[in-house]
Amino acid sequence: MGKLKTFPFGKVLISLSAAGTMIGSYVADWNETHIHNPAWPPHAKFHNAQTMSMGAALSLAALYHLWKPGGSRESLDSAAVIASLYGLTQLSAALYPGTASVDPPREDNWPQLKYTLPSLGLILLGYSLDRYRISRA
């Protein structure tokens, strides 16, 4: 039972969210609707490529802070913030003029929410669990 109390379930949940962001951005965008879309101008593709790379970079940074040797409460804090940034900035896109969650003729119904909100929930749950684990150590 002692191993279960010290197993970093929270870190695993945050890691799952980070891995989902790293892989998911490429799964969602490396296709004919985004990076291979002939209707998109080169500069739009530039920003799409930047977004995919940013998802991978943020995920790797979060994983580094989570699992580096001698990890501390500050490392956990950093990892949770870094892992949350991709989803939070994705949600903030709704605040900019002329944006839409999908291209026409599809309905602008924010399909990203079915991944973004659970991912942010995993980070919050993971952070809470690991903060509790650290405080009991």
N, C-alpha and C. Protein backbone atom coordinates (compact mmCIF):
# COMPACT_ATOMS: atom_id res chain seq x y z
N MET A 1 0.83 -1.21 0.00
CA MET A 1 0.00 0.00 0.00
C MET A 1 0.86 1.26 0.00
N GLY A 2 2.06 1.20 0.57
CA GLY A 2 2.93 2.37 0.63
C GLY A 2 3.32 2.88 -0.74
N LYS A 3 3.55 1.96 -1.68
CA LYS A 3 3.91 2.34 -3.06
C LYS A 3 2.77 3.12 -3.72
N LEU A 4 1.52 2.68 -3.48
CA LEU A 4 0.38 3.38 -4.07
C LEU A 4 0.28 4.80 -3.57
N LYS A 5 0.58 5.01 -2.29
CA LYS A 5 0.51 6.36 -1.73
C LYS A 5 1.58 7.28 -2.30
N THR A 6 2.68 6.70 -2.76
CA THR A 6 3.77 7.52 -3.28
C THR A 6 3.82 7.55 -4.81
N PHE A 7 2.99 6.71 -5.47
CA PHE A 7 2.98 6.70 -6.93
C PHE A 7 2.45 8.05 -7.43
N PRO A 8 3.13 8.66 -8.38
CA PRO A 8 2.74 10.00 -8.85
C PRO A 8 1.59 9.98 -9.86
N PHE A 9 0.39 9.57 -9.43
CA PHE A 9 -0.76 9.53 -10.33
C PHE A 9 -0.99 10.88 -10.99
N GLY A 10 -0.81 11.96 -10.23
CA GLY A 10 -1.02 13.29 -10.78
C GLY A 10 -0.08 13.60 -11.93
N LYS A 11 1.18 13.24 -11.76
CA LYS A 11 2.15 13.45 -12.84
C LYS A 11 1.77 12.66 -14.09
N VAL A 12 1.26 11.46 -13.88
CA VAL A 12 0.84 10.63 -15.02
C VAL A 12 -0.31 11.30 -15.76
N LEU A 13 -1.28 11.85 -15.04
CA LEU A 13 -2.41 12.52 -15.68
C LEU A 13 -1.96 13.75 -16.47
N ILE A 14 -1.08 14.54 -15.88
CA ILE A 14 -0.56 15.70 -16.60
C ILE A 14 0.24 15.26 -17.82
N SER A 15 1.00 14.18 -17.67
CA SER A 15 1.77 13.63 -18.79
C SER A 15 0.87 13.17 -19.93
N LEU A 16 -0.25 12.54 -19.59
CA LEU A 16 -1.20 12.11 -20.61
C LEU A 16 -1.75 13.30 -21.38
N SER A 17 -2.07 14.36 -20.66
CA SER A 17 -2.56 15.57 -21.32
C SER A 17 -1.48 16.17 -22.22
N ALA A 18 -0.25 16.23 -21.73
CA ALA A 18 0.85 16.79 -22.53
C ALA A 18 1.09 15.94 -23.78
N ALA A 19 1.08 14.63 -23.62
CA ALA A 19 1.28 13.75 -24.78
C ALA A 19 0.13 13.90 -25.77
N GLY A 20 -1.07 14.05 -25.26
CA GLY A 20 -2.23 14.27 -26.13
C GLY A 20 -2.10 15.55 -26.93
N THR A 21 -1.59 16.60 -26.31
CA THR A 21 -1.38 17.86 -27.02
C THR A 21 -0.31 17.70 -28.08
N MET A 22 0.78 17.04 -27.73
CA MET A 22 1.90 16.87 -28.66
C MET A 22 1.45 16.10 -29.90
N ILE A 23 0.74 15.03 -29.70
CA ILE A 23 0.31 14.17 -30.81
C ILE A 23 -0.96 14.72 -31.46
N GLY A 24 -1.88 15.17 -30.65
CA GLY A 24 -3.18 15.60 -31.15
C GLY A 24 -3.14 16.78 -32.09
N SER A 25 -2.24 17.71 -31.86
CA SER A 25 -2.17 18.86 -32.77
C SER A 25 -1.76 18.43 -34.17
N TYR A 26 -0.89 17.44 -34.27
CA TYR A 26 -0.50 16.93 -35.59
C TYR A 26 -1.60 16.07 -36.20
N VAL A 27 -2.27 15.26 -35.38
CA VAL A 27 -3.38 14.44 -35.89
C VAL A 27 -4.48 15.34 -36.45
N ALA A 28 -4.78 16.42 -35.74
CA ALA A 28 -5.86 17.31 -36.16
C ALA A 28 -5.49 18.19 -37.34
N ASP A 29 -4.21 18.55 -37.48
CA ASP A 29 -3.85 19.58 -38.46
C ASP A 29 -2.99 19.11 -39.63
N TRP A 30 -2.40 17.93 -39.57
CA TRP A 30 -1.52 17.47 -40.65
C TRP A 30 -2.39 16.74 -41.69
N ASN A 31 -3.25 17.49 -42.35
CA ASN A 31 -4.19 16.89 -43.30
C ASN A 31 -4.68 17.96 -44.28
N GLU A 32 -5.63 17.57 -45.10
CA GLU A 32 -6.13 18.47 -46.15
C GLU A 32 -6.98 19.61 -45.61
N THR A 33 -7.42 19.54 -44.37
CA THR A 33 -8.19 20.65 -43.82
C THR A 33 -7.30 21.77 -43.27
N HIS A 34 -6.02 21.47 -43.07
CA HIS A 34 -5.14 22.47 -42.48
C HIS A 34 -3.85 22.62 -43.31
N ILE A 35 -2.78 21.99 -42.90
CA ILE A 35 -1.46 22.25 -43.50
C ILE A 35 -1.41 21.87 -44.98
N HIS A 36 -2.20 20.90 -45.42
CA HIS A 36 -2.24 20.49 -46.83
C HIS A 36 -3.45 21.06 -47.56
N ASN A 37 -4.07 22.08 -47.01
CA ASN A 37 -5.25 22.69 -47.62
C ASN A 37 -4.80 23.65 -48.73
N PRO A 38 -5.11 23.36 -49.99
CA PRO A 38 -4.67 24.22 -51.07
C PRO A 38 -5.31 25.62 -51.05
N ALA A 39 -6.42 25.76 -50.34
CA ALA A 39 -7.08 27.07 -50.25
C ALA A 39 -6.40 27.99 -49.23
N TRP A 40 -5.56 27.43 -48.37
CA TRP A 40 -4.91 28.26 -47.36
C TRP A 40 -3.69 28.95 -47.97
N PRO A 41 -3.55 30.24 -47.74
CA PRO A 41 -2.34 30.92 -48.22
C PRO A 41 -1.13 30.49 -47.39
N PRO A 42 0.07 30.67 -47.94
CA PRO A 42 1.28 30.23 -47.24
C PRO A 42 1.42 30.80 -45.82
N HIS A 43 0.99 32.04 -45.61
CA HIS A 43 1.15 32.61 -44.26
C HIS A 43 0.22 31.94 -43.25
N ALA A 44 -0.98 31.54 -43.68
CA ALA A 44 -1.87 30.79 -42.79
C ALA A 44 -1.24 29.45 -42.43
N LYS A 45 -0.61 28.81 -43.42
CA LYS A 45 0.07 27.54 -43.16
C LYS A 45 1.26 27.75 -42.22
N PHE A 46 1.94 28.88 -42.35
CA PHE A 46 3.03 29.21 -41.44
C PHE A 46 2.54 29.21 -40.00
N HIS A 47 1.41 29.89 -39.76
CA HIS A 47 0.89 29.96 -38.40
C HIS A 47 0.37 28.60 -37.93
N ASN A 48 -0.17 27.81 -38.83
CA ASN A 48 -0.59 26.46 -38.46
C ASN A 48 0.61 25.62 -38.06
N ALA A 49 1.68 25.71 -38.85
CA ALA A 49 2.91 24.97 -38.53
C ALA A 49 3.48 25.44 -37.19
N GLN A 50 3.46 26.74 -36.97
CA GLN A 50 3.94 27.31 -35.71
C GLN A 50 3.12 26.75 -34.54
N THR A 51 1.82 26.65 -34.72
CA THR A 51 0.95 26.15 -33.66
C THR A 51 1.23 24.68 -33.35
N MET A 52 1.43 23.87 -34.39
CA MET A 52 1.75 22.46 -34.16
C MET A 52 3.09 22.33 -33.42
N SER A 53 4.08 23.10 -33.85
CA SER A 53 5.39 23.06 -33.19
C SER A 53 5.30 23.56 -31.76
N MET A 54 4.48 24.58 -31.54
CA MET A 54 4.31 25.10 -30.18
C MET A 54 3.69 24.05 -29.26
N GLY A 55 2.72 23.30 -29.78
CA GLY A 55 2.12 22.23 -28.98
C GLY A 55 3.15 21.20 -28.57
N ALA A 56 4.01 20.82 -29.51
CA ALA A 56 5.06 19.85 -29.20
C ALA A 56 6.07 20.42 -28.20
N ALA A 57 6.47 21.66 -28.41
CA ALA A 57 7.46 22.29 -27.52
C ALA A 57 6.91 22.45 -26.10
N LEU A 58 5.67 22.92 -25.98
CA LEU A 58 5.08 23.06 -24.65
C LEU A 58 4.95 21.70 -23.96
N SER A 59 4.57 20.69 -24.72
CA SER A 59 4.43 19.35 -24.14
C SER A 59 5.77 18.82 -23.64
N LEU A 60 6.81 18.98 -24.44
CA LEU A 60 8.13 18.52 -24.02
C LEU A 60 8.62 19.29 -22.80
N ALA A 61 8.37 20.58 -22.75
CA ALA A 61 8.77 21.38 -21.58
C ALA A 61 8.01 20.93 -20.33
N ALA A 62 6.72 20.68 -20.48
CA ALA A 62 5.94 20.21 -19.33
C ALA A 62 6.46 18.85 -18.84
N LEU A 63 6.71 17.94 -19.77
CA LEU A 63 7.22 16.62 -19.38
C LEU A 63 8.59 16.73 -18.71
N TYR A 64 9.43 17.60 -19.20
CA TYR A 64 10.74 17.81 -18.58
C TYR A 64 10.56 18.26 -17.13
N HIS A 65 9.73 19.27 -16.90
CA HIS A 65 9.55 19.77 -15.54
C HIS A 65 8.89 18.74 -14.62
N LEU A 66 8.03 17.92 -15.19
CA LEU A 66 7.37 16.89 -14.37
C LEU A 66 8.32 15.80 -13.90
N TRP A 67 9.20 15.37 -14.78
CA TRP A 67 9.96 14.16 -14.53
C TRP A 67 11.45 14.38 -14.32
N LYS A 68 11.92 15.63 -14.29
CA LYS A 68 13.36 15.83 -14.08
C LYS A 68 13.74 15.36 -12.68
N PRO A 69 14.95 14.86 -12.54
CA PRO A 69 15.39 14.38 -11.22
C PRO A 69 15.33 15.50 -10.18
N GLY A 70 14.95 15.12 -8.99
CA GLY A 70 14.88 16.11 -7.91
C GLY A 70 13.72 17.07 -8.07
N GLY A 71 12.67 16.63 -8.78
CA GLY A 71 11.52 17.50 -9.01
C GLY A 71 10.97 18.06 -7.71
N SER A 72 10.48 19.26 -7.77
CA SER A 72 9.99 19.95 -6.58
C SER A 72 8.56 20.44 -6.82
N ARG A 73 8.03 21.07 -5.84
CA ARG A 73 6.70 21.69 -5.96
C ARG A 73 6.73 22.74 -7.06
N GLU A 74 7.83 23.47 -7.16
CA GLU A 74 7.96 24.49 -8.21
C GLU A 74 7.97 23.85 -9.60
N SER A 75 8.60 22.69 -9.72
CA SER A 75 8.60 21.97 -11.00
C SER A 75 7.19 21.53 -11.36
N LEU A 76 6.44 21.06 -10.39
CA LEU A 76 5.05 20.67 -10.63
C LEU A 76 4.23 21.88 -11.06
N ASP A 77 4.40 22.99 -10.35
CA ASP A 77 3.68 24.22 -10.70
C ASP A 77 3.99 24.62 -12.15
N SER A 78 5.27 24.63 -12.49
CA SER A 78 5.69 25.00 -13.84
C SER A 78 5.10 24.06 -14.88
N ALA A 79 5.17 22.77 -14.61
CA ALA A 79 4.67 21.78 -15.56
C ALA A 79 3.17 21.96 -15.80
N ALA A 80 2.42 22.20 -14.74
CA ALA A 80 0.97 22.36 -14.89
C ALA A 80 0.64 23.61 -15.70
N VAL A 81 1.33 24.69 -15.43
CA VAL A 81 1.10 25.92 -16.20
C VAL A 81 1.47 25.71 -17.66
N ILE A 82 2.64 25.16 -17.91
CA ILE A 82 3.10 24.95 -19.28
C ILE A 82 2.16 24.00 -20.02
N ALA A 83 1.73 22.93 -19.38
CA ALA A 83 0.83 21.96 -20.02
C ALA A 83 -0.53 22.58 -20.34
N SER A 84 -0.93 23.59 -19.59
CA SER A 84 -2.23 24.24 -19.79
C SER A 84 -2.22 25.29 -20.89
N LEU A 85 -1.06 25.82 -21.22
CA LEU A 85 -1.00 26.97 -22.12
C LEU A 85 -1.59 26.72 -23.51
N TYR A 86 -1.33 25.56 -24.10
CA TYR A 86 -1.85 25.29 -25.44
C TYR A 86 -3.38 25.35 -25.44
N GLY A 87 -4.01 24.66 -24.49
CA GLY A 87 -5.47 24.65 -24.42
C GLY A 87 -6.05 26.02 -24.10
N LEU A 88 -5.42 26.73 -23.17
CA LEU A 88 -5.93 28.05 -22.80
C LEU A 88 -5.82 29.03 -23.96
N THR A 89 -4.70 28.98 -24.69
CA THR A 89 -4.57 29.89 -25.83
C THR A 89 -5.51 29.49 -26.96
N GLN A 90 -5.77 28.20 -27.10
CA GLN A 90 -6.75 27.76 -28.10
C GLN A 90 -8.12 28.34 -27.78
N LEU A 91 -8.51 28.30 -26.52
CA LEU A 91 -9.80 28.88 -26.12
C LEU A 91 -9.83 30.39 -26.33
N SER A 92 -8.69 31.04 -26.13
CA SER A 92 -8.65 32.51 -26.28
C SER A 92 -8.86 32.95 -27.73
N ALA A 93 -8.68 32.04 -28.69
CA ALA A 93 -8.86 32.40 -30.10
C ALA A 93 -10.26 32.91 -30.38
N ALA A 94 -11.23 32.49 -29.59
CA ALA A 94 -12.61 32.94 -29.78
C ALA A 94 -12.76 34.44 -29.53
N LEU A 95 -11.81 35.04 -28.85
CA LEU A 95 -11.89 36.46 -28.52
C LEU A 95 -11.37 37.38 -29.63
N TYR A 96 -10.76 36.81 -30.65
CA TYR A 96 -10.19 37.60 -31.73
C TYR A 96 -11.20 37.78 -32.86
N PRO A 97 -11.19 38.96 -33.50
CA PRO A 97 -12.16 39.21 -34.57
C PRO A 97 -11.93 38.32 -35.79
N GLY A 98 -13.02 37.84 -36.35
CA GLY A 98 -12.96 37.08 -37.59
C GLY A 98 -12.52 35.64 -37.47
N THR A 99 -12.41 35.12 -36.25
CA THR A 99 -11.98 33.73 -36.08
C THR A 99 -13.18 32.79 -36.09
N ALA A 100 -12.91 31.55 -36.42
CA ALA A 100 -13.93 30.51 -36.37
C ALA A 100 -13.24 29.21 -35.98
N SER A 101 -13.98 28.32 -35.38
CA SER A 101 -13.39 27.06 -34.92
C SER A 101 -13.13 26.10 -36.06
N VAL A 102 -13.83 26.26 -37.17
CA VAL A 102 -13.66 25.43 -38.38
C VAL A 102 -13.88 26.31 -39.60
N ASP A 103 -13.44 25.82 -40.76
CA ASP A 103 -13.67 26.54 -42.01
C ASP A 103 -15.04 26.20 -42.58
N PRO A 104 -15.64 27.16 -43.29
CA PRO A 104 -16.89 26.85 -43.98
C PRO A 104 -16.65 25.74 -44.99
N PRO A 105 -17.60 24.96 -45.28
CA PRO A 105 -19.02 25.09 -44.97
C PRO A 105 -19.43 24.45 -43.64
N ARG A 106 -18.45 23.95 -42.87
CA ARG A 106 -18.79 23.33 -41.59
C ARG A 106 -19.30 24.36 -40.61
N GLU A 107 -20.12 23.91 -39.66
CA GLU A 107 -20.71 24.78 -38.66
C GLU A 107 -19.66 25.13 -37.59
N ASP A 108 -19.62 26.39 -37.20
CA ASP A 108 -18.67 26.86 -36.19
C ASP A 108 -19.17 26.47 -34.80
N ASN A 109 -18.97 25.20 -34.45
CA ASN A 109 -19.52 24.68 -33.19
C ASN A 109 -18.43 24.25 -32.20
N TRP A 110 -17.23 24.70 -32.38
CA TRP A 110 -16.09 24.44 -31.49
C TRP A 110 -15.88 22.96 -31.18
N PRO A 111 -15.59 22.15 -32.20
CA PRO A 111 -15.32 20.74 -31.93
C PRO A 111 -14.08 20.54 -31.07
N GLN A 112 -13.21 21.53 -31.00
CA GLN A 112 -11.99 21.43 -30.19
C GLN A 112 -12.32 21.27 -28.70
N LEU A 113 -13.49 21.75 -28.30
CA LEU A 113 -13.83 21.70 -26.87
C LEU A 113 -13.89 20.27 -26.34
N LYS A 114 -14.24 19.30 -27.19
CA LYS A 114 -14.35 17.92 -26.69
C LYS A 114 -12.98 17.36 -26.33
N TYR A 115 -11.91 18.00 -26.76
CA TYR A 115 -10.55 17.60 -26.37
C TYR A 115 -9.92 18.59 -25.39
N THR A 116 -10.14 19.87 -25.63
CA THR A 116 -9.48 20.89 -24.82
C THR A 116 -9.96 20.88 -23.38
N LEU A 117 -11.25 20.85 -23.18
CA LEU A 117 -11.76 20.89 -21.80
C LEU A 117 -11.37 19.64 -20.99
N PRO A 118 -11.50 18.43 -21.54
CA PRO A 118 -11.01 17.27 -20.78
C PRO A 118 -9.50 17.32 -20.52
N SER A 119 -8.74 17.82 -21.48
CA SER A 119 -7.29 17.93 -21.29
C SER A 119 -6.97 18.87 -20.14
N LEU A 120 -7.64 20.02 -20.11
CA LEU A 120 -7.42 20.96 -19.01
C LEU A 120 -7.90 20.36 -17.69
N GLY A 121 -8.97 19.58 -17.74
CA GLY A 121 -9.46 18.89 -16.54
C GLY A 121 -8.45 17.88 -16.02
N LEU A 122 -7.81 17.14 -16.93
CA LEU A 122 -6.76 16.18 -16.52
C LEU A 122 -5.61 16.90 -15.82
N ILE A 123 -5.23 18.03 -16.37
CA ILE A 123 -4.13 18.80 -15.77
C ILE A 123 -4.52 19.27 -14.38
N LEU A 124 -5.72 19.80 -14.24
CA LEU A 124 -6.17 20.28 -12.92
C LEU A 124 -6.25 19.13 -11.92
N LEU A 125 -6.83 18.01 -12.33
CA LEU A 125 -6.91 16.85 -11.43
C LEU A 125 -5.52 16.33 -11.10
N GLY A 126 -4.67 16.20 -12.10
CA GLY A 126 -3.31 15.72 -11.87
C GLY A 126 -2.54 16.63 -10.95
N TYR A 127 -2.68 17.93 -11.16
CA TYR A 127 -1.99 18.91 -10.31
C TYR A 127 -2.49 18.77 -8.86
N SER A 128 -3.79 18.68 -8.69
CA SER A 128 -4.36 18.56 -7.34
C SER A 128 -3.87 17.29 -6.65
N LEU A 129 -3.89 16.18 -7.38
CA LEU A 129 -3.44 14.90 -6.79
C LEU A 129 -1.96 14.96 -6.40
N ASP A 130 -1.14 15.51 -7.28
CA ASP A 130 0.28 15.52 -6.96
C ASP A 130 0.62 16.54 -5.88
N ARG A 131 -0.09 17.65 -5.84
CA ARG A 131 0.11 18.61 -4.73
C ARG A 131 -0.21 17.92 -3.41
N TYR A 132 -1.30 17.15 -3.39
CA TYR A 132 -1.68 16.42 -2.17
C TYR A 132 -0.61 15.38 -1.82
N ARG A 133 -0.13 14.65 -2.83
CA ARG A 133 0.91 13.63 -2.60
C ARG A 133 2.16 14.27 -2.04
N ILE A 134 2.57 15.40 -2.59
CA ILE A 134 3.78 16.08 -2.13
C ILE A 134 3.60 16.58 -0.71
N SER A 135 2.42 17.10 -0.39
CA SER A 135 2.20 17.64 0.96
C SER A 135 2.19 16.56 2.02
N ARG A 136 1.89 15.31 1.62
CA ARG A 136 1.86 14.20 2.57
C ARG A 136 3.19 13.51 2.70
N ALA A 137 4.14 13.86 1.84
CA ALA A 137 5.45 13.18 1.85
C ALA A 137 6.33 13.68 2.98
